[in-house]
Amino acid sequence: MSDPIYVALDMTDAAEAASLAKRLHGHVGGIKLGLEFFVANGPGGIRAVSDAGLPVFLDLKLHDIPNTVAGAMASAVALNPAIVTIHAGGGAAMMRAASEAARKAKHPPLVIAVTVLTSLDDRDLDAVGQRSPALEQAVRLALLAKESGLDGVVCSPHEVAAIRARCGADFKLVVPGIRPASAALGDQKRVMTPAQAVAAGADHLVIGRPITQAQDPVLAAQAIAAELRAG
């Protein structure tokens, strides 16, 4: 597979993000920019990072009524992202509206639904009234996303094998909660190493702090790539 790593640039400084993206060009598969970055910098910030030449994963996790999400998606695809996220919890009509809006773009991105956030565990799901365990909820939402015409889902690495088995080989699985064996867990509760996640069936790995907070982000990215090659 081509380089599966999307580096999460969880920062608000557009110049810093663009500089890091340029340094990582050729060492990772793409850059993930989330809501924090987008609120701070808007479309101009996205374009500045895109100029580094790496594919951009625009992780906005859109979640609203179908018409509003369709309008937001139409604006998002104008930035030419490779991936855009929405929340599967918004329901089938919302997901269909997002997919239809994205497909009108000249270069449609992958529209990927978030299933269960990797910061949540079974107890957290119970507390907000969602059905647990997290694995069953993630599979349920992944099947709904596929039925609604989406390209894939974001899921915990521990849910990859089950979703792959239920949703098939062509359904894209984008996986955060990836930590090299020596890295701290941070605020993630359901994690796995890069090699384990790819072996389970992940298509794209979202890795942030183990690369961005390393003393040398390029060396950190190269080390993870070597780990993946070694299996």
C-alpha atoms as a PDB file:
ATOM      1  CA  MET A   1       0.000   0.000   0.000  1.00  0.00           C
ATOM      2  CA  SER A   2       1.100   3.596  -0.455  1.00  0.00           C
ATOM      3  CA  ASP A   3       2.131   5.462   2.678  1.00  0.00           C
ATOM      4  CA  PRO A   4      -0.948   5.154   4.931  1.00  0.00           C
ATOM      5  CA  ILE A   5       0.071   7.803   7.482  1.00  0.00           C
ATOM      6  CA  TYR A   6      -1.876  11.043   7.818  1.00  0.00           C
ATOM      7  CA  VAL A   7      -0.178  13.285  10.363  1.00  0.00           C
ATOM      8  CA  ALA A   8      -2.590  15.158  12.631  1.00  0.00           C
ATOM      9  CA  LEU A   9      -1.457  18.762  12.912  1.00  0.00           C
ATOM     10  CA  ASP A  10      -3.380  19.619  16.078  1.00  0.00           C
ATOM     11  CA  MET A  11      -2.286  23.247  16.266  1.00  0.00           C
ATOM     12  CA  THR A  12      -3.702  26.670  15.460  1.00  0.00           C
ATOM     13  CA  ASP A  13      -0.676  28.413  13.962  1.00  0.00           C
ATOM     14  CA  ALA A  14      -1.073  28.199  10.175  1.00  0.00           C
ATOM     15  CA  ALA A  15       2.529  29.158   9.443  1.00  0.00           C
ATOM     16  CA  GLU A  16       3.814  26.484  11.826  1.00  0.00           C
ATOM     17  CA  ALA A  17       1.494  23.889  10.300  1.00  0.00           C
ATOM     18  CA  ALA A  18       2.530  24.768   6.746  1.00  0.00           C
ATOM     19  CA  SER A  19       6.209  24.623   7.692  1.00  0.00           C
ATOM     20  CA  LEU A  20       5.834  21.201   9.308  1.00  0.00           C
ATOM     21  CA  ALA A  21       3.840  19.928   6.327  1.00  0.00           C
ATOM     22  CA  LYS A  22       6.682  20.967   4.016  1.00  0.00           C
ATOM     23  CA  ARG A  23       9.235  19.187   6.221  1.00  0.00           C
ATOM     24  CA  LEU A  24       7.167  16.005   6.197  1.00  0.00           C
ATOM     25  CA  HIS A  25       6.586  16.001   2.436  1.00  0.00           C
ATOM     26  CA  GLY A  26       7.877  12.713   1.051  1.00  0.00           C
ATOM     27  CA  HIS A  27       7.862  11.057   4.480  1.00  0.00           C
ATOM     28  CA  VAL A  28       4.119  10.664   5.137  1.00  0.00           C
ATOM     29  CA  GLY A  29       1.007  10.112   3.065  1.00  0.00           C
ATOM     30  CA  GLY A  30      -0.866  13.255   4.038  1.00  0.00           C
ATOM     31  CA  ILE A  31      -1.825  15.858   6.620  1.00  0.00           C
ATOM     32  CA  LYS A  32      -4.919  15.925   8.840  1.00  0.00           C
ATOM     33  CA  LEU A  33      -6.346  19.295   9.808  1.00  0.00           C
ATOM     34  CA  GLY A  34      -9.154  19.380  12.329  1.00  0.00           C
ATOM     35  CA  LEU A  35     -11.797  21.653  13.713  1.00  0.00           C
ATOM     36  CA  GLU A  36      -9.426  23.553  15.996  1.00  0.00           C
ATOM     37  CA  PHE A  37      -7.226  24.543  13.054  1.00  0.00           C
ATOM     38  CA  PHE A  38     -10.172  25.353  10.798  1.00  0.00           C
ATOM     39  CA  VAL A  39     -11.883  27.620  13.336  1.00  0.00           C
ATOM     40  CA  ALA A  40      -8.624  29.495  13.947  1.00  0.00           C
ATOM     41  CA  ASN A  41      -7.578  29.886  10.315  1.00  0.00           C
ATOM     42  CA  GLY A  42     -10.504  29.232   7.994  1.00  0.00           C
ATOM     43  CA  PRO A  43     -10.155  28.252   4.324  1.00  0.00           C
ATOM     44  CA  GLY A  44      -7.018  30.362   3.941  1.00  0.00           C
ATOM     45  CA  GLY A  45      -5.202  28.263   6.511  1.00  0.00           C
ATOM     46  CA  ILE A  46      -6.239  25.052   4.768  1.00  0.00           C
ATOM     47  CA  ARG A  47      -4.915  26.376   1.458  1.00  0.00           C
ATOM     48  CA  ALA A  48      -1.621  27.398   3.070  1.00  0.00           C
ATOM     49  CA  VAL A  49      -1.019  23.879   4.330  1.00  0.00           C
ATOM     50  CA  SER A  50      -2.221  22.343   1.063  1.00  0.00           C
ATOM     51  CA  ASP A  51       0.480  24.300  -0.749  1.00  0.00           C
ATOM     52  CA  ALA A  52       3.035  21.961   0.863  1.00  0.00           C
ATOM     53  CA  GLY A  53       1.895  19.397  -1.682  1.00  0.00           C
ATOM     54  CA  LEU A  54       0.539  16.696   0.618  1.00  0.00           C
ATOM     55  CA  PRO A  55      -3.054  15.414   0.474  1.00  0.00           C
ATOM     56  CA  VAL A  56      -5.209  17.059   3.152  1.00  0.00           C
ATOM     57  CA  PHE A  57      -7.633  15.179   5.363  1.00  0.00           C
ATOM     58  CA  LEU A  58     -10.177  17.784   6.495  1.00  0.00           C
ATOM     59  CA  ASP A  59     -11.461  16.393   9.780  1.00  0.00           C
ATOM     60  CA  LEU A  60     -14.479  18.611  10.480  1.00  0.00           C
ATOM     61  CA  LYS A  61     -16.806  15.857  11.779  1.00  0.00           C
ATOM     62  CA  LEU A  62     -19.864  17.612  10.346  1.00  0.00           C
ATOM     63  CA  HIS A  63     -23.052  16.865  12.272  1.00  0.00           C
ATOM     64  CA  ASP A  64     -26.275  18.815  11.696  1.00  0.00           C
ATOM     65  CA  ILE A  65     -29.516  18.568   9.750  1.00  0.00           C
ATOM     66  CA  PRO A  66     -29.058  17.156   6.222  1.00  0.00           C
ATOM     67  CA  ASN A  67     -29.448  20.454   4.358  1.00  0.00           C
ATOM     68  CA  THR A  68     -26.916  22.236   6.563  1.00  0.00           C
ATOM     69  CA  VAL A  69     -24.378  19.439   6.262  1.00  0.00           C
ATOM     70  CA  ALA A  70     -24.828  19.337   2.489  1.00  0.00           C
ATOM     71  CA  GLY A  71     -24.119  23.074   2.309  1.00  0.00           C
ATOM     72  CA  ALA A  72     -21.070  22.757   4.538  1.00  0.00           C
ATOM     73  CA  MET A  73     -19.773  19.861   2.458  1.00  0.00           C
ATOM     74  CA  ALA A  74     -20.196  21.875  -0.747  1.00  0.00           C
ATOM     75  CA  SER A  75     -17.997  24.584   0.779  1.00  0.00           C
ATOM     76  CA  ALA A  76     -15.470  22.089   2.105  1.00  0.00           C
ATOM     77  CA  VAL A  77     -14.901  20.327  -1.215  1.00  0.00           C
ATOM     78  CA  ALA A  78     -13.968  23.654  -2.794  1.00  0.00           C
ATOM     79  CA  LEU A  79     -10.736  23.360  -0.772  1.00  0.00           C
ATOM     80  CA  ASN A  80      -9.907  20.145  -2.678  1.00  0.00           C
ATOM     81  CA  PRO A  81      -9.399  17.860   0.344  1.00  0.00           C
ATOM     82  CA  ALA A  82      -8.626  14.174  -0.065  1.00  0.00           C
ATOM     83  CA  ILE A  83     -10.893  13.190   2.846  1.00  0.00           C
ATOM     84  CA  VAL A  84     -13.716  14.945   4.721  1.00  0.00           C
ATOM     85  CA  THR A  85     -15.359  13.574   7.855  1.00  0.00           C
ATOM     86  CA  ILE A  86     -18.929  13.686   9.092  1.00  0.00           C
ATOM     87  CA  HIS A  87     -20.549  12.016  12.124  1.00  0.00           C
ATOM     88  CA  ALA A  88     -22.374   8.735  11.486  1.00  0.00           C
ATOM     89  CA  GLY A  89     -24.580   9.638  14.439  1.00  0.00           C
ATOM     90  CA  GLY A  90     -26.275  12.253  12.254  1.00  0.00           C
ATOM     91  CA  GLY A  91     -28.241   9.478  10.591  1.00  0.00           C
ATOM     92  CA  ALA A  92     -28.739   8.060   7.117  1.00  0.00           C
ATOM     93  CA  ALA A  93     -30.403  11.113   5.551  1.00  0.00           C
ATOM     94  CA  MET A  94     -27.590  13.391   6.702  1.00  0.00           C
ATOM     95  CA  MET A  95     -24.936  11.017   5.423  1.00  0.00           C
ATOM     96  CA  ARG A  96     -26.620  10.677   2.041  1.00  0.00           C
ATOM     97  CA  ALA A  97     -26.874  14.462   1.735  1.00  0.00           C
ATOM     98  CA  ALA A  98     -23.167  14.840   2.516  1.00  0.00           C
ATOM     99  CA  SER A  99     -22.180  12.172   0.001  1.00  0.00           C
ATOM    100  CA  GLU A 100     -24.327  13.673  -2.750  1.00  0.00           C
ATOM    101  CA  ALA A 101     -22.888  17.145  -2.152  1.00  0.00           C
ATOM    102  CA  ALA A 102     -19.319  15.830  -2.268  1.00  0.00           C
ATOM    103  CA  ARG A 103     -19.877  13.982  -5.527  1.00  0.00           C
ATOM    104  CA  LYS A 104     -20.716  17.236  -7.304  1.00  0.00           C
ATOM    105  CA  ALA A 105     -17.090  18.359  -6.901  1.00  0.00           C
ATOM    106  CA  LYS A 106     -14.668  18.114  -9.830  1.00  0.00           C
ATOM    107  CA  HIS A 107     -12.399  15.973  -7.656  1.00  0.00           C
ATOM    108  CA  PRO A 108     -14.669  14.405  -5.004  1.00  0.00           C
ATOM    109  CA  PRO A 109     -13.006  13.557  -1.697  1.00  0.00           C
ATOM    110  CA  LEU A 110     -13.608  10.429   0.287  1.00  0.00           C
ATOM    111  CA  VAL A 111     -16.523  11.094   2.644  1.00  0.00           C
ATOM    112  CA  ILE A 112     -15.811   9.230   5.853  1.00  0.00           C
ATOM    113  CA  ALA A 113     -18.103   8.864   8.865  1.00  0.00           C
ATOM    114  CA  VAL A 114     -16.878   8.953  12.444  1.00  0.00           C
ATOM    115  CA  THR A 115     -18.286   5.988  14.378  1.00  0.00           C
ATOM    116  CA  VAL A 116     -17.207   6.078  18.053  1.00  0.00           C
ATOM    117  CA  LEU A 117     -14.567   8.576  19.119  1.00  0.00           C
ATOM    118  CA  THR A 118     -11.386   6.872  20.330  1.00  0.00           C
ATOM    119  CA  SER A 119     -11.503   8.985  23.505  1.00  0.00           C
ATOM    120  CA  LEU A 120     -14.652   7.081  24.556  1.00  0.00           C
ATOM    121  CA  ASP A 121     -14.951   3.668  26.157  1.00  0.00           C
ATOM    122  CA  ASP A 122     -17.969   1.524  27.061  1.00  0.00           C
ATOM    123  CA  ARG A 123     -18.640   3.412  30.287  1.00  0.00           C
ATOM    124  CA  ASP A 124     -18.628   6.738  28.415  1.00  0.00           C
ATOM    125  CA  LEU A 125     -21.138   5.407  25.890  1.00  0.00           C
ATOM    126  CA  ASP A 126     -23.427   4.220  28.666  1.00  0.00           C
ATOM    127  CA  ALA A 127     -23.239   7.639  30.321  1.00  0.00           C
ATOM    128  CA  VAL A 128     -24.548   9.431  27.218  1.00  0.00           C
ATOM    129  CA  GLY A 129     -27.233   6.873  26.494  1.00  0.00           C
ATOM    130  CA  GLN A 130     -25.578   5.138  23.533  1.00  0.00           C
ATOM    131  CA  ARG A 131     -25.566   1.389  23.245  1.00  0.00           C
ATOM    132  CA  SER A 132     -22.353  -0.278  24.301  1.00  0.00           C
ATOM    133  CA  PRO A 133     -20.000  -2.066  23.923  1.00  0.00           C
ATOM    134  CA  ALA A 134     -18.099   0.345  21.676  1.00  0.00           C
ATOM    135  CA  LEU A 135     -17.285  -2.419  19.187  1.00  0.00           C
ATOM    136  CA  GLU A 136     -20.940  -3.200  18.515  1.00  0.00           C
ATOM    137  CA  GLN A 137     -21.844   0.480  18.210  1.00  0.00           C
ATOM    138  CA  ALA A 138     -18.973   1.096  15.779  1.00  0.00           C
ATOM    139  CA  VAL A 139     -19.983  -1.832  13.568  1.00  0.00           C
ATOM    140  CA  ARG A 140     -23.618  -0.732  13.633  1.00  0.00           C
ATOM    141  CA  LEU A 141     -22.722   2.799  12.540  1.00  0.00           C
ATOM    142  CA  ALA A 142     -20.258   1.552   9.913  1.00  0.00           C
ATOM    143  CA  LEU A 143     -22.952  -0.565   8.284  1.00  0.00           C
ATOM    144  CA  LEU A 144     -25.315   2.421   8.296  1.00  0.00           C
ATOM    145  CA  ALA A 145     -22.609   4.581   6.697  1.00  0.00           C
ATOM    146  CA  LYS A 146     -22.038   2.025   3.959  1.00  0.00           C
ATOM    147  CA  GLU A 147     -25.763   1.720   3.304  1.00  0.00           C
ATOM    148  CA  SER A 148     -25.916   5.530   3.078  1.00  0.00           C
ATOM    149  CA  GLY A 149     -23.331   5.647   0.292  1.00  0.00           C
ATOM    150  CA  LEU A 150     -20.254   6.761   2.214  1.00  0.00           C
ATOM    151  CA  ASP A 151     -16.740   5.701   1.290  1.00  0.00           C
ATOM    152  CA  GLY A 152     -15.748   4.477   4.730  1.00  0.00           C
ATOM    153  CA  VAL A 153     -15.505   5.259   8.411  1.00  0.00           C
ATOM    154  CA  VAL A 154     -13.201   6.426  11.153  1.00  0.00           C
ATOM    155  CA  CYS A 155     -12.908   3.754  13.818  1.00  0.00           C
ATOM    156  CA  SER A 156     -10.707   2.575  16.655  1.00  0.00           C
ATOM    157  CA  PRO A 157      -7.980   0.120  15.652  1.00  0.00           C
ATOM    158  CA  HIS A 158      -9.685  -2.465  17.846  1.00  0.00           C
ATOM    159  CA  GLU A 159     -12.776  -2.271  15.608  1.00  0.00           C
ATOM    160  CA  VAL A 160     -10.975  -2.572  12.271  1.00  0.00           C
ATOM    161  CA  ALA A 161     -11.159  -6.347  11.857  1.00  0.00           C
ATOM    162  CA  ALA A 162     -14.863  -6.550  12.740  1.00  0.00           C
ATOM    163  CA  ILE A 163     -15.827  -3.653  10.451  1.00  0.00           C
ATOM    164  CA  ARG A 164     -13.688  -5.005   7.612  1.00  0.00           C
ATOM    165  CA  ALA A 165     -15.418  -8.374   7.920  1.00  0.00           C
ATOM    166  CA  ARG A 166     -18.893  -6.795   7.814  1.00  0.00           C
ATOM    167  CA  CYS A 167     -18.315  -3.986   5.297  1.00  0.00           C
ATOM    168  CA  GLY A 168     -15.950  -5.556   2.769  1.00  0.00           C
ATOM    169  CA  ALA A 169     -12.539  -4.913   1.268  1.00  0.00           C
ATOM    170  CA  ASP A 170     -13.408  -1.703  -0.607  1.00  0.00           C
ATOM    171  CA  PHE A 171     -14.793   0.168   2.403  1.00  0.00           C
ATOM    172  CA  LYS A 172     -12.113   2.606   3.612  1.00  0.00           C
ATOM    173  CA  LEU A 173     -11.070   2.427   7.262  1.00  0.00           C
ATOM    174  CA  VAL A 174      -9.363   5.503   8.713  1.00  0.00           C
ATOM    175  CA  VAL A 175      -7.857   4.743  12.082  1.00  0.00           C
ATOM    176  CA  PRO A 176      -6.757   7.130  14.846  1.00  0.00           C
ATOM    177  CA  GLY A 177      -5.605   5.928  18.249  1.00  0.00           C
ATOM    178  CA  ILE A 178      -2.305   4.807  16.736  1.00  0.00           C
ATOM    179  CA  ARG A 179       0.682   4.824  19.044  1.00  0.00           C
ATOM    180  CA  PRO A 180       4.157   3.345  18.499  1.00  0.00           C
ATOM    181  CA  ALA A 181       5.008   0.961  21.330  1.00  0.00           C
ATOM    182  CA  SER A 182       7.202   3.548  23.077  1.00  0.00           C
ATOM    183  CA  ALA A 183       4.693   6.424  22.892  1.00  0.00           C
ATOM    184  CA  ALA A 184       2.410   7.746  25.648  1.00  0.00           C
ATOM    185  CA  LEU A 185      -1.329   7.108  25.335  1.00  0.00           C
ATOM    186  CA  GLY A 186      -2.347  10.750  25.848  1.00  0.00           C
ATOM    187  CA  ASP A 187      -6.154  11.078  25.831  1.00  0.00           C
ATOM    188  CA  GLN A 188      -6.761   7.979  23.707  1.00  0.00           C
ATOM    189  CA  LYS A 189      -8.256   4.924  25.400  1.00  0.00           C
ATOM    190  CA  ARG A 190      -8.460   2.365  22.569  1.00  0.00           C
ATOM    191  CA  VAL A 191      -5.088   2.265  20.847  1.00  0.00           C
ATOM    192  CA  MET A 192      -2.832  -0.034  18.778  1.00  0.00           C
ATOM    193  CA  THR A 193       0.592   0.104  17.139  1.00  0.00           C
ATOM    194  CA  PRO A 194       0.821   1.116  13.440  1.00  0.00           C
ATOM    195  CA  ALA A 195       1.842  -2.366  12.279  1.00  0.00           C
ATOM    196  CA  GLN A 196      -0.962  -4.010  14.248  1.00  0.00           C
ATOM    197  CA  ALA A 197      -3.568  -1.663  12.772  1.00  0.00           C
ATOM    198  CA  VAL A 198      -2.446  -2.219   9.180  1.00  0.00           C
ATOM    199  CA  ALA A 199      -2.336  -5.978   9.740  1.00  0.00           C
ATOM    200  CA  ALA A 200      -5.923  -5.799  11.032  1.00  0.00           C
ATOM    201  CA  GLY A 201      -7.041  -4.074   7.818  1.00  0.00           C
ATOM    202  CA  ALA A 202      -6.661  -0.300   8.294  1.00  0.00           C
ATOM    203  CA  ASP A 203      -6.301   1.774   5.114  1.00  0.00           C
ATOM    204  CA  HIS A 204      -5.132   5.064   6.642  1.00  0.00           C
ATOM    205  CA  LEU A 205      -3.514   5.729  10.018  1.00  0.00           C
ATOM    206  CA  VAL A 206      -3.925   9.044  11.838  1.00  0.00           C
ATOM    207  CA  ILE A 207      -0.857   9.779  13.944  1.00  0.00           C
ATOM    208  CA  GLY A 208      -0.301  13.090  15.719  1.00  0.00           C
ATOM    209  CA  ARG A 209       1.809  13.669  18.793  1.00  0.00           C
ATOM    210  CA  PRO A 210       4.277  10.781  18.285  1.00  0.00           C
ATOM    211  CA  ILE A 211       5.392  12.666  15.159  1.00  0.00           C
ATOM    212  CA  THR A 212       4.549  16.329  15.739  1.00  0.00           C
ATOM    213  CA  GLN A 213       5.936  16.470  19.283  1.00  0.00           C
ATOM    214  CA  ALA A 214       9.054  14.443  18.528  1.00  0.00           C
ATOM    215  CA  GLN A 215      12.401  16.200  18.708  1.00  0.00           C
ATOM    216  CA  ASP A 216      12.742  15.489  14.979  1.00  0.00           C
ATOM    217  CA  PRO A 217       9.336  14.874  13.333  1.00  0.00           C
ATOM    218  CA  VAL A 218      10.906  13.618  10.108  1.00  0.00           C
ATOM    219  CA  LEU A 219      12.952  10.987  11.922  1.00  0.00           C
ATOM    220  CA  ALA A 220       9.875   9.982  13.918  1.00  0.00           C
ATOM    221  CA  ALA A 221       7.867   9.551  10.711  1.00  0.00           C
ATOM    222  CA  GLN A 222      10.675   7.542   9.146  1.00  0.00           C
ATOM    223  CA  ALA A 223      10.849   5.288  12.203  1.00  0.00           C
ATOM    224  CA  ILE A 224       7.117   4.557  11.996  1.00  0.00           C
ATOM    225  CA  ALA A 225       7.420   3.851   8.266  1.00  0.00           C
ATOM    226  CA  ALA A 226      10.239   1.412   9.027  1.00  0.00           C
ATOM    227  CA  GLU A 227       8.057  -0.257  11.665  1.00  0.00           C
ATOM    228  CA  LEU A 228       5.319  -0.682   9.053  1.00  0.00           C
ATOM    229  CA  ARG A 229       7.705  -2.176   6.520  1.00  0.00           C
ATOM    230  CA  ALA A 230       8.962  -4.618   9.129  1.00  0.00           C
ATOM    231  CA  GLY A 231       5.391  -5.633   9.908  1.00  0.00           C
END
